[in-house]
Amino acid sequence: MKTTALTTLLGLGATALAACSRQGSHKESSLNARSSTCLTWRNEDYCQECTDDFSSGNRHIDIWTGSSSVNGGQEQINCEDSLTPSGNVVIVRSPDGGYAVDTAPLYHKGTSNPCRTNHLYPDAKAHTYCP
């Protein structure tokens, strides 16, 4: 799978996670989506909601924190929903490779704080990630 560095005006902590979108709605170097993530992004699969919403002009990326070995059930789905905010934001393509990366998991099953929203960075400025 191709990995795309993806940075936006309202940044979440960069972490190993995946996202899903409508099939064919983006290219590796050109994303036009609704998201507020600052992360190393990998398109993992396609979400039905993204596909259904595409025809009405609602283009977005859903954040997915799952894996083949972790199943957090509804708790994890609620976490993913909180990490997939609404609203339009700027996505910076080809950000400078020297930016800091927070590798902490955003979802950690079995802990007192499984949804790690403290690894979100809403005050990140997109221009600081541009080459």
N, C-alpha and C. Protein backbone atom coordinates (compact mmCIF):
# COMPACT_ATOMS: atom_id res chain seq x y z
N MET A 1 0.83 -1.18 0.00
CA MET A 1 0.00 0.00 0.00
C MET A 1 0.87 1.24 0.00
N LYS A 2 0.44 2.23 -0.72
CA LYS A 2 1.20 3.47 -0.78
C LYS A 2 0.90 4.32 0.44
N THR A 3 1.92 4.95 0.98
CA THR A 3 1.76 5.83 2.12
C THR A 3 1.88 7.26 1.64
N THR A 4 0.98 8.09 2.06
CA THR A 4 0.96 9.50 1.67
C THR A 4 1.07 10.36 2.90
N ALA A 5 2.03 11.27 2.92
CA ALA A 5 2.10 12.23 4.03
C ALA A 5 0.97 13.21 3.84
N LEU A 6 0.19 13.39 4.88
CA LEU A 6 -0.99 14.23 4.80
C LEU A 6 -1.02 15.15 6.00
N THR A 7 -1.03 16.44 5.76
CA THR A 7 -1.04 17.40 6.85
C THR A 7 -2.16 18.39 6.62
N THR A 8 -2.85 18.75 7.66
CA THR A 8 -3.93 19.71 7.50
C THR A 8 -3.83 20.85 8.49
N LEU A 9 -4.62 21.83 8.26
CA LEU A 9 -4.60 23.02 9.08
C LEU A 9 -4.91 22.72 10.54
N LEU A 10 -5.86 21.85 10.81
CA LEU A 10 -6.19 21.47 12.18
C LEU A 10 -5.65 20.07 12.39
N GLY A 11 -4.52 19.94 13.08
CA GLY A 11 -3.83 18.67 13.09
C GLY A 11 -4.20 17.73 14.21
N LEU A 12 -4.36 16.47 13.86
CA LEU A 12 -4.38 15.40 14.84
C LEU A 12 -2.95 14.91 15.00
N GLY A 13 -2.65 14.20 16.06
CA GLY A 13 -1.34 13.63 16.23
C GLY A 13 -1.03 12.65 15.12
N ALA A 14 0.13 12.75 14.56
CA ALA A 14 0.52 11.82 13.52
C ALA A 14 0.73 10.46 14.16
N THR A 15 0.17 9.46 13.58
CA THR A 15 0.27 8.12 14.16
C THR A 15 0.03 7.09 13.09
N ALA A 16 0.33 5.87 13.41
CA ALA A 16 0.09 4.79 12.46
C ALA A 16 -1.39 4.45 12.50
N LEU A 17 -2.12 4.91 11.54
CA LEU A 17 -3.52 4.57 11.42
C LEU A 17 -3.89 4.60 9.96
N ALA A 18 -5.07 4.24 9.67
CA ALA A 18 -5.49 4.18 8.28
C ALA A 18 -6.76 4.97 8.10
N ALA A 19 -7.08 5.24 6.86
CA ALA A 19 -8.30 5.95 6.54
C ALA A 19 -8.97 5.25 5.38
N CYS A 20 -10.23 5.51 5.21
CA CYS A 20 -10.93 4.95 4.06
C CYS A 20 -11.70 6.06 3.37
N SER A 21 -11.91 5.88 2.09
CA SER A 21 -12.57 6.90 1.29
C SER A 21 -13.33 6.22 0.16
N ARG A 22 -13.96 7.01 -0.68
CA ARG A 22 -14.66 6.47 -1.84
C ARG A 22 -13.63 6.00 -2.86
N GLN A 23 -13.83 4.84 -3.42
CA GLN A 23 -12.90 4.32 -4.41
C GLN A 23 -12.79 5.28 -5.58
N GLY A 24 -11.55 5.62 -5.93
CA GLY A 24 -11.30 6.51 -7.04
C GLY A 24 -11.46 7.98 -6.74
N SER A 25 -11.69 8.35 -5.49
CA SER A 25 -11.95 9.76 -5.18
C SER A 25 -10.70 10.56 -4.92
N HIS A 26 -9.55 9.93 -4.87
CA HIS A 26 -8.32 10.67 -4.65
C HIS A 26 -7.16 9.98 -5.33
N LYS A 27 -6.10 10.72 -5.48
CA LYS A 27 -4.85 10.18 -6.01
C LYS A 27 -3.80 10.36 -4.94
N GLU A 28 -2.71 9.64 -5.08
CA GLU A 28 -1.65 9.72 -4.07
C GLU A 28 -1.20 11.15 -3.83
N SER A 29 -1.06 11.95 -4.88
CA SER A 29 -0.53 13.30 -4.71
C SER A 29 -1.62 14.37 -4.74
N SER A 30 -2.86 13.99 -4.79
CA SER A 30 -3.92 14.98 -4.87
C SER A 30 -5.13 14.53 -4.06
N LEU A 31 -5.30 15.13 -2.91
CA LEU A 31 -6.44 14.81 -2.06
C LEU A 31 -7.35 16.02 -1.94
N ASN A 32 -8.60 15.80 -2.05
CA ASN A 32 -9.60 16.84 -1.90
C ASN A 32 -10.66 16.26 -0.99
N ALA A 33 -10.50 16.43 0.32
CA ALA A 33 -11.36 15.71 1.25
C ALA A 33 -11.71 16.55 2.46
N ARG A 34 -12.65 16.04 3.25
CA ARG A 34 -13.00 16.66 4.52
C ARG A 34 -12.31 15.86 5.60
N SER A 35 -11.47 16.53 6.34
CA SER A 35 -10.72 15.86 7.40
C SER A 35 -10.06 16.92 8.25
N SER A 36 -9.58 16.56 9.42
CA SER A 36 -8.75 17.50 10.18
C SER A 36 -7.61 16.70 10.79
N THR A 37 -6.90 16.02 9.95
CA THR A 37 -5.83 15.16 10.43
C THR A 37 -4.46 15.68 10.05
N CYS A 38 -3.52 15.39 10.87
CA CYS A 38 -2.11 15.68 10.60
C CYS A 38 -1.43 14.35 10.84
N LEU A 39 -1.22 13.58 9.81
CA LEU A 39 -0.80 12.21 10.03
C LEU A 39 -0.10 11.65 8.82
N THR A 40 0.57 10.54 9.01
CA THR A 40 1.03 9.76 7.88
C THR A 40 -0.13 8.85 7.54
N TRP A 41 -0.65 8.99 6.37
CA TRP A 41 -1.93 8.40 6.03
C TRP A 41 -1.75 7.29 5.02
N ARG A 42 -2.48 6.23 5.21
CA ARG A 42 -2.47 5.11 4.27
C ARG A 42 -3.91 4.75 3.97
N ASN A 43 -4.26 4.74 2.70
CA ASN A 43 -5.61 4.34 2.34
C ASN A 43 -5.73 2.83 2.53
N GLU A 44 -6.57 2.43 3.44
CA GLU A 44 -6.68 1.02 3.81
C GLU A 44 -7.78 0.32 3.03
N ASP A 45 -8.91 0.95 2.87
CA ASP A 45 -10.01 0.37 2.11
C ASP A 45 -11.01 1.47 1.79
N TYR A 46 -12.19 1.09 1.37
CA TYR A 46 -13.20 2.05 0.98
C TYR A 46 -14.39 1.92 1.90
N CYS A 47 -14.93 3.05 2.34
CA CYS A 47 -16.08 3.00 3.24
C CYS A 47 -17.35 3.26 2.46
N GLN A 48 -18.39 2.52 2.80
CA GLN A 48 -19.67 2.65 2.10
C GLN A 48 -20.27 4.04 2.29
N GLU A 49 -20.16 4.58 3.50
CA GLU A 49 -20.69 5.92 3.75
C GLU A 49 -20.00 6.95 2.87
N CYS A 50 -18.67 6.82 2.72
CA CYS A 50 -17.93 7.75 1.86
C CYS A 50 -18.41 7.65 0.42
N THR A 51 -18.64 6.42 -0.04
CA THR A 51 -19.11 6.20 -1.40
C THR A 51 -20.51 6.77 -1.59
N ASP A 52 -21.40 6.53 -0.62
CA ASP A 52 -22.77 7.05 -0.70
C ASP A 52 -22.79 8.57 -0.67
N ASP A 53 -21.96 9.17 0.17
CA ASP A 53 -21.93 10.63 0.32
C ASP A 53 -21.30 11.34 -0.88
N PHE A 54 -20.44 10.65 -1.62
CA PHE A 54 -19.70 11.26 -2.71
C PHE A 54 -20.63 11.87 -3.76
N SER A 55 -21.71 11.16 -4.09
CA SER A 55 -22.62 11.64 -5.14
C SER A 55 -23.34 12.93 -4.76
N SER A 56 -23.46 13.19 -3.46
CA SER A 56 -24.11 14.44 -3.02
C SER A 56 -23.09 15.55 -2.77
N GLY A 57 -21.83 15.30 -3.12
CA GLY A 57 -20.80 16.32 -2.98
C GLY A 57 -20.11 16.35 -1.63
N ASN A 58 -20.43 15.42 -0.76
CA ASN A 58 -19.80 15.35 0.56
C ASN A 58 -18.60 14.42 0.48
N ARG A 59 -17.45 14.96 0.13
CA ARG A 59 -16.23 14.16 -0.01
C ARG A 59 -15.48 14.21 1.31
N HIS A 60 -15.19 13.05 1.86
CA HIS A 60 -14.52 13.01 3.15
C HIS A 60 -13.70 11.74 3.32
N ILE A 61 -12.89 11.77 4.35
CA ILE A 61 -12.07 10.63 4.74
C ILE A 61 -12.51 10.23 6.14
N ASP A 62 -12.74 8.96 6.36
CA ASP A 62 -13.05 8.45 7.69
C ASP A 62 -11.78 7.86 8.29
N ILE A 63 -11.52 8.18 9.53
CA ILE A 63 -10.35 7.64 10.22
C ILE A 63 -10.69 6.27 10.79
N TRP A 64 -9.80 5.33 10.59
CA TRP A 64 -9.96 3.96 11.07
C TRP A 64 -8.76 3.61 11.92
N THR A 65 -8.97 3.15 13.15
CA THR A 65 -7.86 2.83 14.06
C THR A 65 -7.75 1.33 14.29
N GLY A 66 -8.50 0.55 13.56
CA GLY A 66 -8.53 -0.90 13.77
C GLY A 66 -7.30 -1.61 13.22
N SER A 67 -7.30 -2.89 13.44
CA SER A 67 -6.24 -3.75 12.92
C SER A 67 -6.80 -5.16 12.82
N SER A 68 -6.01 -6.06 12.31
CA SER A 68 -6.45 -7.45 12.21
C SER A 68 -6.42 -8.15 13.57
N SER A 69 -5.79 -7.52 14.57
CA SER A 69 -5.66 -8.18 15.88
C SER A 69 -6.40 -7.47 17.01
N VAL A 70 -6.88 -6.25 16.79
CA VAL A 70 -7.57 -5.50 17.84
C VAL A 70 -9.02 -5.26 17.42
N ASN A 71 -9.96 -5.63 18.29
CA ASN A 71 -11.36 -5.35 18.04
C ASN A 71 -11.93 -4.69 19.27
N GLY A 72 -12.06 -3.37 19.23
CA GLY A 72 -12.56 -2.63 20.37
C GLY A 72 -14.06 -2.43 20.37
N GLY A 73 -14.74 -3.02 19.38
CA GLY A 73 -16.19 -2.93 19.33
C GLY A 73 -16.70 -1.50 19.25
N GLN A 74 -17.82 -1.24 19.89
CA GLN A 74 -18.45 0.07 19.83
C GLN A 74 -17.56 1.16 20.42
N GLU A 75 -16.78 0.82 21.45
CA GLU A 75 -15.87 1.80 22.04
C GLU A 75 -14.89 2.32 20.99
N GLN A 76 -14.37 1.44 20.17
CA GLN A 76 -13.43 1.84 19.14
C GLN A 76 -14.13 2.62 18.03
N ILE A 77 -15.33 2.22 17.67
CA ILE A 77 -16.10 2.96 16.66
C ILE A 77 -16.38 4.38 17.15
N ASN A 78 -16.75 4.52 18.42
CA ASN A 78 -16.98 5.85 18.99
C ASN A 78 -15.71 6.69 18.95
N CYS A 79 -14.57 6.06 19.22
CA CYS A 79 -13.28 6.77 19.15
C CYS A 79 -13.02 7.23 17.73
N GLU A 80 -13.19 6.34 16.76
CA GLU A 80 -12.98 6.70 15.36
C GLU A 80 -13.89 7.86 14.95
N ASP A 81 -15.14 7.82 15.40
CA ASP A 81 -16.06 8.91 15.08
C ASP A 81 -15.56 10.23 15.66
N SER A 82 -14.99 10.20 16.85
CA SER A 82 -14.48 11.44 17.46
C SER A 82 -13.21 11.93 16.76
N LEU A 83 -12.51 11.04 16.06
CA LEU A 83 -11.30 11.41 15.32
C LEU A 83 -11.60 11.82 13.89
N THR A 84 -12.84 11.66 13.45
CA THR A 84 -13.25 12.01 12.09
C THR A 84 -14.19 13.20 12.18
N PRO A 85 -13.63 14.40 12.36
CA PRO A 85 -14.47 15.58 12.56
C PRO A 85 -15.14 16.05 11.27
N SER A 86 -16.17 16.84 11.44
CA SER A 86 -16.86 17.42 10.29
C SER A 86 -16.26 18.79 10.00
N GLY A 87 -16.58 19.32 8.85
CA GLY A 87 -16.10 20.63 8.47
C GLY A 87 -14.95 20.57 7.49
N ASN A 88 -14.82 21.60 6.70
CA ASN A 88 -13.77 21.66 5.70
C ASN A 88 -12.49 22.20 6.31
N VAL A 89 -11.39 21.60 5.96
CA VAL A 89 -10.07 22.06 6.38
C VAL A 89 -9.12 21.93 5.20
N VAL A 90 -7.97 22.54 5.33
CA VAL A 90 -6.96 22.51 4.28
C VAL A 90 -6.09 21.27 4.45
N ILE A 91 -5.83 20.58 3.37
CA ILE A 91 -4.89 19.45 3.37
C ILE A 91 -3.67 19.89 2.59
N VAL A 92 -2.52 19.83 3.21
CA VAL A 92 -1.26 20.22 2.57
C VAL A 92 -0.66 18.98 1.92
N ARG A 93 -0.45 19.06 0.62
CA ARG A 93 0.17 17.95 -0.10
C ARG A 93 1.67 18.11 -0.08
N SER A 94 2.38 17.01 -0.02
CA SER A 94 3.85 16.98 -0.05
C SER A 94 4.46 17.87 1.03
N PRO A 95 4.11 17.66 2.30
CA PRO A 95 4.71 18.47 3.37
C PRO A 95 6.19 18.17 3.51
N ASP A 96 6.90 19.08 4.14
CA ASP A 96 8.32 18.89 4.41
C ASP A 96 8.50 17.63 5.24
N GLY A 97 9.50 16.82 4.91
CA GLY A 97 9.74 15.56 5.61
C GLY A 97 10.33 15.71 6.99
N GLY A 98 10.66 16.91 7.44
CA GLY A 98 11.32 17.09 8.72
C GLY A 98 10.40 17.39 9.88
N TYR A 99 9.09 17.23 9.71
CA TYR A 99 8.19 17.57 10.80
C TYR A 99 8.16 16.46 11.85
N ALA A 100 7.78 16.82 13.06
CA ALA A 100 7.72 15.86 14.17
C ALA A 100 6.54 14.92 13.98
N VAL A 101 6.72 13.68 14.43
CA VAL A 101 5.68 12.67 14.32
C VAL A 101 5.38 12.10 15.70
N ASP A 102 4.13 12.07 16.06
CA ASP A 102 3.67 11.46 17.31
C ASP A 102 3.21 10.05 16.96
N THR A 103 3.94 9.05 17.42
CA THR A 103 3.63 7.67 17.05
C THR A 103 2.74 6.95 18.06
N ALA A 104 2.25 7.66 19.06
CA ALA A 104 1.36 7.03 20.05
C ALA A 104 0.07 6.58 19.37
N PRO A 105 -0.44 5.42 19.77
CA PRO A 105 -1.71 4.96 19.18
C PRO A 105 -2.86 5.88 19.60
N LEU A 106 -3.76 6.15 18.68
CA LEU A 106 -4.92 6.97 19.00
C LEU A 106 -6.00 6.14 19.69
N TYR A 107 -5.97 4.83 19.50
CA TYR A 107 -6.89 3.95 20.22
C TYR A 107 -6.06 2.86 20.88
N HIS A 108 -6.27 2.66 22.19
CA HIS A 108 -5.51 1.66 22.95
C HIS A 108 -6.47 0.90 23.85
N LYS A 109 -6.97 -0.21 23.33
CA LYS A 109 -7.96 -1.04 24.03
C LYS A 109 -7.45 -1.50 25.39
N GLY A 110 -8.37 -1.51 26.36
CA GLY A 110 -8.05 -2.06 27.67
C GLY A 110 -7.36 -1.09 28.61
N THR A 111 -7.35 0.18 28.29
CA THR A 111 -6.74 1.18 29.16
C THR A 111 -7.83 2.09 29.72
N SER A 112 -7.48 2.88 30.72
CA SER A 112 -8.46 3.80 31.31
C SER A 112 -8.83 4.93 30.35
N ASN A 113 -7.98 5.20 29.37
CA ASN A 113 -8.23 6.25 28.38
C ASN A 113 -8.00 5.65 26.99
N PRO A 114 -8.91 4.81 26.50
CA PRO A 114 -8.65 4.11 25.24
C PRO A 114 -8.62 5.00 24.01
N CYS A 115 -9.37 6.11 24.01
CA CYS A 115 -9.37 7.03 22.88
C CYS A 115 -8.45 8.19 23.24
N ARG A 116 -7.27 8.20 22.65
CA ARG A 116 -6.19 9.11 23.04
C ARG A 116 -6.30 10.47 22.36
N THR A 117 -7.37 11.19 22.67
CA THR A 117 -7.54 12.51 22.07
C THR A 117 -6.50 13.50 22.57
N ASN A 118 -5.74 13.14 23.62
CA ASN A 118 -4.66 14.02 24.07
C ASN A 118 -3.49 14.01 23.09
N HIS A 119 -3.57 13.18 22.06
CA HIS A 119 -2.56 13.18 21.00
C HIS A 119 -3.08 13.90 19.76
N LEU A 120 -4.01 14.81 19.96
CA LEU A 120 -4.53 15.65 18.90
C LEU A 120 -3.91 17.03 19.02
N TYR A 121 -3.69 17.69 17.90
CA TYR A 121 -3.01 18.99 17.90
C TYR A 121 -3.83 20.00 17.08
N PRO A 122 -4.94 20.47 17.64
CA PRO A 122 -5.82 21.37 16.88
C PRO A 122 -5.22 22.73 16.58
N ASP A 123 -4.14 23.10 17.25
CA ASP A 123 -3.53 24.41 17.00
C ASP A 123 -2.38 24.35 16.01
N ALA A 124 -2.14 23.19 15.40
CA ALA A 124 -1.07 23.07 14.41
C ALA A 124 -1.36 23.99 13.23
N LYS A 125 -0.34 24.62 12.71
CA LYS A 125 -0.48 25.54 11.58
C LYS A 125 0.06 24.88 10.32
N ALA A 126 -0.79 24.77 9.31
CA ALA A 126 -0.43 24.07 8.08
C ALA A 126 0.84 24.64 7.46
N HIS A 127 1.01 25.95 7.48
CA HIS A 127 2.17 26.55 6.81
C HIS A 127 3.50 26.09 7.41
N THR A 128 3.50 25.61 8.65
CA THR A 128 4.75 25.16 9.26
C THR A 128 5.18 23.80 8.72
N TYR A 129 4.32 23.11 7.98
CA TYR A 129 4.64 21.80 7.43
C TYR A 129 4.98 21.84 5.95
N CYS A 130 4.90 23.00 5.34
CA CYS A 130 5.16 23.12 3.91
C CYS A 130 6.65 23.27 3.64
N PRO A 131 7.12 22.67 2.53
CA PRO A 131 8.55 22.82 2.18
C PRO A 131 8.88 24.23 1.75
